[in-house]
Amino acid sequence: MLSRLIKLQARRQDPERGATAVEYGLMVALIAVVIIAVVTVLGNNLSSLFTTVATSI
Protein backbone atom coordinates (compact mmCIF):
# COMPACT_ATOMS: atom_id res chain seq x y z
CA MET A 1 0.00 0.00 0.00
CA LEU A 2 2.81 2.37 0.87
CA SER A 3 4.58 1.71 -2.41
CA ARG A 4 1.41 2.63 -4.32
CA LEU A 5 1.14 5.91 -2.43
CA ILE A 6 4.77 6.71 -3.19
CA LYS A 7 4.22 6.03 -6.91
CA LEU A 8 1.09 8.19 -6.91
CA GLN A 9 2.94 11.01 -5.19
CA ALA A 10 5.80 10.76 -7.68
CA ARG A 11 3.35 11.06 -10.59
CA ARG A 12 1.71 14.14 -9.12
CA GLN A 13 4.99 16.03 -8.83
CA ASP A 14 5.88 15.71 -12.52
CA PRO A 15 5.87 19.31 -13.87
CA GLU A 16 5.97 18.09 -17.48
CA ARG A 17 2.58 16.46 -17.08
CA GLY A 18 0.84 19.75 -16.28
CA ALA A 19 2.59 21.59 -19.08
CA THR A 20 1.59 18.94 -21.58
CA ALA A 21 -2.03 19.13 -20.46
CA VAL A 22 -2.02 22.90 -20.94
CA GLU A 23 -0.49 22.56 -24.41
CA TYR A 24 -3.12 20.02 -25.44
CA GLY A 25 -5.83 22.28 -24.06
CA LEU A 26 -4.56 25.20 -26.11
CA MET A 27 -4.41 23.08 -29.25
CA VAL A 28 -7.98 21.88 -28.74
CA ALA A 29 -9.17 25.46 -28.20
CA LEU A 30 -7.41 26.64 -31.37
CA ILE A 31 -8.88 23.79 -33.41
CA ALA A 32 -12.34 24.61 -32.06
CA VAL A 33 -11.96 28.28 -33.05
CA VAL A 34 -10.86 27.31 -36.56
CA ILE A 35 -13.77 24.89 -36.95
CA ILE A 36 -16.27 27.53 -35.78
CA ALA A 37 -14.84 30.08 -38.21
CA VAL A 38 -14.94 27.67 -41.15
CA VAL A 39 -18.49 26.56 -40.39
CA THR A 40 -19.62 30.18 -40.10
CA VAL A 41 -18.07 31.19 -43.43
CA LEU A 42 -19.28 28.10 -45.26
CA GLY A 43 -22.71 28.43 -43.69
CA ASN A 44 -23.10 31.98 -44.96
CA ASN A 45 -21.85 31.02 -48.44
CA LEU A 46 -24.17 28.02 -48.64
CA SER A 47 -27.11 30.09 -47.46
CA SER A 48 -26.57 32.65 -50.21
CA LEU A 49 -26.10 29.86 -52.77
CA PHE A 50 -29.38 28.21 -51.80
CA THR A 51 -31.14 31.57 -51.88
CA THR A 52 -29.82 32.21 -55.38
CA VAL A 53 -30.92 28.77 -56.56
CA ALA A 54 -34.35 29.13 -54.93
CA THR A 55 -34.99 32.52 -56.57
CA SER A 56 -33.91 31.26 -59.98
CA ILE A 57 -36.32 28.34 -59.80
PDB file of N, CA and C in Angstrom:
ATOM      1  N   MET A   1       0.825  -1.185   0.000  1.00  0.00           N
ATOM      2  CA  MET A   1       0.000   0.000   0.000  1.00  0.00           C
ATOM      3  C   MET A   1       0.873   1.254   0.000  1.00  0.00           C
ATOM      4  N   LEU A   2       1.924   1.222   0.791  1.00  0.00           N
ATOM      5  CA  LEU A   2       2.813   2.372   0.874  1.00  0.00           C
ATOM      6  C   LEU A   2       3.526   2.618  -0.448  1.00  0.00           C
ATOM      7  N   SER A   3       3.906   1.537  -1.128  1.00  0.00           N
ATOM      8  CA  SER A   3       4.584   1.709  -2.414  1.00  0.00           C
ATOM      9  C   SER A   3       3.649   2.337  -3.450  1.00  0.00           C
ATOM     10  N   ARG A   4       2.373   2.008  -3.406  1.00  0.00           N
ATOM     11  CA  ARG A   4       1.410   2.626  -4.320  1.00  0.00           C
ATOM     12  C   ARG A   4       1.254   4.116  -4.039  1.00  0.00           C
ATOM     13  N   LEU A   5       1.229   4.498  -2.782  1.00  0.00           N
ATOM     14  CA  LEU A   5       1.138   5.913  -2.426  1.00  0.00           C
ATOM     15  C   LEU A   5       2.375   6.678  -2.878  1.00  0.00           C
ATOM     16  N   ILE A   6       3.532   6.062  -2.762  1.00  0.00           N
ATOM     17  CA  ILE A   6       4.768   6.714  -3.195  1.00  0.00           C
ATOM     18  C   ILE A   6       4.755   6.908  -4.705  1.00  0.00           C
ATOM     19  N   LYS A   7       4.298   5.901  -5.454  1.00  0.00           N
ATOM     20  CA  LYS A   7       4.217   6.033  -6.908  1.00  0.00           C
ATOM     21  C   LYS A   7       3.220   7.112  -7.303  1.00  0.00           C
ATOM     22  N   LEU A   8       2.090   7.174  -6.619  1.00  0.00           N
ATOM     23  CA  LEU A   8       1.087   8.187  -6.911  1.00  0.00           C
ATOM     24  C   LEU A   8       1.633   9.579  -6.624  1.00  0.00           C
ATOM     25  N   GLN A   9       2.342   9.727  -5.529  1.00  0.00           N
ATOM     26  CA  GLN A   9       2.937  11.015  -5.185  1.00  0.00           C
ATOM     27  C   GLN A   9       3.994  11.423  -6.206  1.00  0.00           C
ATOM     28  N   ALA A  10       4.760  10.465  -6.695  1.00  0.00           N
ATOM     29  CA  ALA A  10       5.797  10.760  -7.683  1.00  0.00           C
ATOM     30  C   ALA A  10       5.163  11.213  -8.991  1.00  0.00           C
ATOM     31  N   ARG A  11       4.033  10.655  -9.352  1.00  0.00           N
ATOM     32  CA  ARG A  11       3.349  11.065 -10.586  1.00  0.00           C
ATOM     33  C   ARG A  11       2.781  12.468 -10.469  1.00  0.00           C
ATOM     34  N   ARG A  12       2.302  12.825  -9.311  1.00  0.00           N
ATOM     35  CA  ARG A  12       1.715  14.145  -9.124  1.00  0.00           C
ATOM     36  C   ARG A  12       2.749  15.254  -9.217  1.00  0.00           C
ATOM     37  N   GLN A  13       3.967  14.998  -8.884  1.00  0.00           N
ATOM     38  CA  GLN A  13       4.993  16.031  -8.830  1.00  0.00           C
ATOM     39  C   GLN A  13       5.704  16.215 -10.165  1.00  0.00           C
ATOM     40  N   ASP A  14       5.252  15.601 -11.213  1.00  0.00           N
ATOM     41  CA  ASP A  14       5.878  15.713 -12.523  1.00  0.00           C
ATOM     42  C   ASP A  14       5.421  17.011 -13.187  1.00  0.00           C
ATOM     43  N   PRO A  15       6.291  18.022 -13.291  1.00  0.00           N
ATOM     44  CA  PRO A  15       5.873  19.306 -13.873  1.00  0.00           C
ATOM     45  C   PRO A  15       5.597  19.221 -15.368  1.00  0.00           C
ATOM     46  N   GLU A  16       6.202  18.248 -16.054  1.00  0.00           N
ATOM     47  CA  GLU A  16       5.970  18.092 -17.481  1.00  0.00           C
ATOM     48  C   GLU A  16       4.528  17.682 -17.773  1.00  0.00           C
ATOM     49  N   ARG A  17       3.944  16.944 -16.869  1.00  0.00           N
ATOM     50  CA  ARG A  17       2.581  16.456 -17.076  1.00  0.00           C
ATOM     51  C   ARG A  17       1.590  17.620 -17.141  1.00  0.00           C
ATOM     52  N   GLY A  18       1.730  18.591 -16.265  1.00  0.00           N
ATOM     53  CA  GLY A  18       0.842  19.746 -16.276  1.00  0.00           C
ATOM     54  C   GLY A  18       1.050  20.611 -17.503  1.00  0.00           C
ATOM     55  N   ALA A  19       2.304  20.782 -17.905  1.00  0.00           N
ATOM     56  CA  ALA A  19       2.595  21.593 -19.084  1.00  0.00           C
ATOM     57  C   ALA A  19       2.030  20.941 -20.336  1.00  0.00           C
ATOM     58  N   THR A  20       2.124  19.638 -20.422  1.00  0.00           N
ATOM     59  CA  THR A  20       1.592  18.937 -21.578  1.00  0.00           C
ATOM     60  C   THR A  20       0.078  19.070 -21.634  1.00  0.00           C
ATOM     61  N   ALA A  21      -0.580  18.991 -20.494  1.00  0.00           N
ATOM     62  CA  ALA A  21      -2.031  19.130 -20.458  1.00  0.00           C
ATOM     63  C   ALA A  21      -2.451  20.525 -20.917  1.00  0.00           C
ATOM     64  N   VAL A  22      -1.707  21.541 -20.519  1.00  0.00           N
ATOM     65  CA  VAL A  22      -2.018  22.904 -20.942  1.00  0.00           C
ATOM     66  C   VAL A  22      -1.813  23.049 -22.445  1.00  0.00           C
ATOM     67  N   GLU A  23      -0.746  22.483 -22.968  1.00  0.00           N
ATOM     68  CA  GLU A  23      -0.494  22.557 -24.410  1.00  0.00           C
ATOM     69  C   GLU A  23      -1.600  21.870 -25.199  1.00  0.00           C
ATOM     70  N   TYR A  24      -2.022  20.706 -24.749  1.00  0.00           N
ATOM     71  CA  TYR A  24      -3.117  20.023 -25.438  1.00  0.00           C
ATOM     72  C   TYR A  24      -4.407  20.828 -25.343  1.00  0.00           C
ATOM     73  N   GLY A  25      -4.643  21.448 -24.211  1.00  0.00           N
ATOM     74  CA  GLY A  25      -5.828  22.284 -24.056  1.00  0.00           C
ATOM     75  C   GLY A  25      -5.819  23.466 -25.010  1.00  0.00           C
ATOM     76  N   LEU A  26      -4.668  24.086 -25.171  1.00  0.00           N
ATOM     77  CA  LEU A  26      -4.558  25.204 -26.110  1.00  0.00           C
ATOM     78  C   LEU A  26      -4.758  24.746 -27.554  1.00  0.00           C
ATOM     79  N   MET A  27      -4.217  23.598 -27.893  1.00  0.00           N
ATOM     80  CA  MET A  27      -4.408  23.084 -29.250  1.00  0.00           C
ATOM     81  C   MET A  27      -5.878  22.780 -29.524  1.00  0.00           C
ATOM     82  N   VAL A  28      -6.566  22.186 -28.566  1.00  0.00           N
ATOM     83  CA  VAL A  28      -7.983  21.876 -28.738  1.00  0.00           C
ATOM     84  C   VAL A  28      -8.787  23.161 -28.885  1.00  0.00           C
ATOM     85  N   ALA A  29      -8.457  24.181 -28.100  1.00  0.00           N
ATOM     86  CA  ALA A  29      -9.165  25.455 -28.201  1.00  0.00           C
ATOM     87  C   ALA A  29      -8.933  26.104 -29.562  1.00  0.00           C
ATOM     88  N   LEU A  30      -7.706  26.065 -30.062  1.00  0.00           N
ATOM     89  CA  LEU A  30      -7.405  26.640 -31.368  1.00  0.00           C
ATOM     90  C   LEU A  30      -8.135  25.892 -32.482  1.00  0.00           C
ATOM     91  N   ILE A  31      -8.159  24.584 -32.408  1.00  0.00           N
ATOM     92  CA  ILE A  31      -8.881  23.792 -33.411  1.00  0.00           C
ATOM     93  C   ILE A  31     -10.363  24.114 -33.370  1.00  0.00           C
ATOM     94  N   ALA A  32     -10.925  24.273 -32.178  1.00  0.00           N
ATOM     95  CA  ALA A  32     -12.343  24.608 -32.062  1.00  0.00           C
ATOM     96  C   ALA A  32     -12.638  25.965 -32.685  1.00  0.00           C
ATOM     97  N   VAL A  33     -11.760  26.948 -32.467  1.00  0.00           N
ATOM     98  CA  VAL A  33     -11.964  28.276 -33.049  1.00  0.00           C
ATOM     99  C   VAL A  33     -11.914  28.203 -34.569  1.00  0.00           C
ATOM    100  N   VAL A  34     -10.976  27.448 -35.108  1.00  0.00           N
ATOM    101  CA  VAL A  34     -10.861  27.315 -36.559  1.00  0.00           C
ATOM    102  C   VAL A  34     -12.104  26.630 -37.127  1.00  0.00           C
ATOM    103  N   ILE A  35     -12.571  25.590 -36.476  1.00  0.00           N
ATOM    104  CA  ILE A  35     -13.767  24.891 -36.955  1.00  0.00           C
ATOM    105  C   ILE A  35     -14.976  25.814 -36.934  1.00  0.00           C
ATOM    106  N   ILE A  36     -15.141  26.590 -35.870  1.00  0.00           N
ATOM    107  CA  ILE A  36     -16.267  27.527 -35.781  1.00  0.00           C
ATOM    108  C   ILE A  36     -16.186  28.564 -36.885  1.00  0.00           C
ATOM    109  N   ALA A  37     -14.996  29.079 -37.149  1.00  0.00           N
ATOM    110  CA  ALA A  37     -14.843  30.083 -38.206  1.00  0.00           C
ATOM    111  C   ALA A  37     -15.164  29.498 -39.573  1.00  0.00           C
ATOM    112  N   VAL A  38     -14.682  28.303 -39.853  1.00  0.00           N
ATOM    113  CA  VAL A  38     -14.942  27.674 -41.150  1.00  0.00           C
ATOM    114  C   VAL A  38     -16.425  27.380 -41.324  1.00  0.00           C
ATOM    115  N   VAL A  39     -17.065  26.867 -40.306  1.00  0.00           N
ATOM    116  CA  VAL A  39     -18.490  26.563 -40.392  1.00  0.00           C
ATOM    117  C   VAL A  39     -19.299  27.838 -40.593  1.00  0.00           C
ATOM    118  N   THR A  40     -18.910  28.918 -39.941  1.00  0.00           N
ATOM    119  CA  THR A  40     -19.619  30.184 -40.105  1.00  0.00           C
ATOM    120  C   THR A  40     -19.489  30.704 -41.528  1.00  0.00           C
ATOM    121  N   VAL A  41     -18.282  30.695 -42.066  1.00  0.00           N
ATOM    122  CA  VAL A  41     -18.067  31.190 -43.428  1.00  0.00           C
ATOM    123  C   VAL A  41     -18.785  30.313 -44.445  1.00  0.00           C
ATOM    124  N   LEU A  42     -18.618  29.004 -44.319  1.00  0.00           N
ATOM    125  CA  LEU A  42     -19.278  28.098 -45.257  1.00  0.00           C
ATOM    126  C   LEU A  42     -20.794  28.156 -45.115  1.00  0.00           C
ATOM    127  N   GLY A  43     -21.281  28.326 -43.906  1.00  0.00           N
ATOM    128  CA  GLY A  43     -22.714  28.428 -43.687  1.00  0.00           C
ATOM    129  C   GLY A  43     -23.301  29.638 -44.391  1.00  0.00           C
ATOM    130  N   ASN A  44     -22.619  30.770 -44.292  1.00  0.00           N
ATOM    131  CA  ASN A  44     -23.098  31.979 -44.963  1.00  0.00           C
ATOM    132  C   ASN A  44     -23.048  31.812 -46.484  1.00  0.00           C
ATOM    133  N   ASN A  45     -21.967  31.234 -46.985  1.00  0.00           N
ATOM    134  CA  ASN A  45     -21.855  31.018 -48.435  1.00  0.00           C
ATOM    135  C   ASN A  45     -22.916  30.048 -48.942  1.00  0.00           C
ATOM    136  N   LEU A  46     -23.150  28.975 -48.222  1.00  0.00           N
ATOM    137  CA  LEU A  46     -24.168  28.020 -48.638  1.00  0.00           C
ATOM    138  C   LEU A  46     -25.565  28.631 -48.569  1.00  0.00           C
ATOM    139  N   SER A  47     -25.806  29.444 -47.580  1.00  0.00           N
ATOM    140  CA  SER A  47     -27.108  30.087 -47.458  1.00  0.00           C
ATOM    141  C   SER A  47     -27.378  30.992 -48.655  1.00  0.00           C
ATOM    142  N   SER A  48     -26.380  31.764 -49.042  1.00  0.00           N
ATOM    143  CA  SER A  48     -26.566  32.648 -50.206  1.00  0.00           C
ATOM    144  C   SER A  48     -26.691  31.828 -51.488  1.00  0.00           C
ATOM    145  N   LEU A  49     -25.988  30.724 -51.595  1.00  0.00           N
ATOM    146  CA  LEU A  49     -26.102  29.855 -52.769  1.00  0.00           C
ATOM    147  C   LEU A  49     -27.502  29.277 -52.878  1.00  0.00           C
ATOM    148  N   PHE A  50     -28.039  28.765 -51.775  1.00  0.00           N
ATOM    149  CA  PHE A  50     -29.384  28.212 -51.802  1.00  0.00           C
ATOM    150  C   PHE A  50     -30.434  29.280 -52.092  1.00  0.00           C
ATOM    151  N   THR A  51     -30.215  30.486 -51.582  1.00  0.00           N
ATOM    152  CA  THR A  51     -31.139  31.573 -51.881  1.00  0.00           C
ATOM    153  C   THR A  51     -31.118  31.904 -53.358  1.00  0.00           C
ATOM    154  N   THR A  52     -29.946  31.931 -53.938  1.00  0.00           N
ATOM    155  CA  THR A  52     -29.815  32.205 -55.377  1.00  0.00           C
ATOM    156  C   THR A  52     -30.509  31.122 -56.199  1.00  0.00           C
ATOM    157  N   VAL A  53     -30.302  29.874 -55.842  1.00  0.00           N
ATOM    158  CA  VAL A  53     -30.921  28.770 -56.564  1.00  0.00           C
ATOM    159  C   VAL A  53     -32.446  28.814 -56.393  1.00  0.00           C
ATOM    160  N   ALA A  54     -32.898  29.093 -55.182  1.00  0.00           N
ATOM    161  CA  ALA A  54     -34.351  29.128 -54.933  1.00  0.00           C
ATOM    162  C   ALA A  54     -35.018  30.253 -55.705  1.00  0.00           C
ATOM    163  N   THR A  55     -34.380  31.408 -55.829  1.00  0.00           N
ATOM    164  CA  THR A  55     -34.994  32.521 -56.570  1.00  0.00           C
ATOM    165  C   THR A  55     -34.966  32.279 -58.072  1.00  0.00           C
ATOM    166  N   SER A  56     -33.973  31.524 -58.544  1.00  0.00           N
ATOM    167  CA  SER A  56     -33.909  31.258 -59.983  1.00  0.00           C
ATOM    168  C   SER A  56     -34.904  30.190 -60.419  1.00  0.00           C
ATOM    169  N   ILE A  57     -35.349  29.388 -59.479  1.00  0.00           N
ATOM    170  CA  ILE A  57     -36.323  28.342 -59.796  1.00  0.00           C
ATOM    171  C   ILE A  57     -37.680  28.982 -59.788  1.00  0.00           C
TER     172      ILE A  57
END
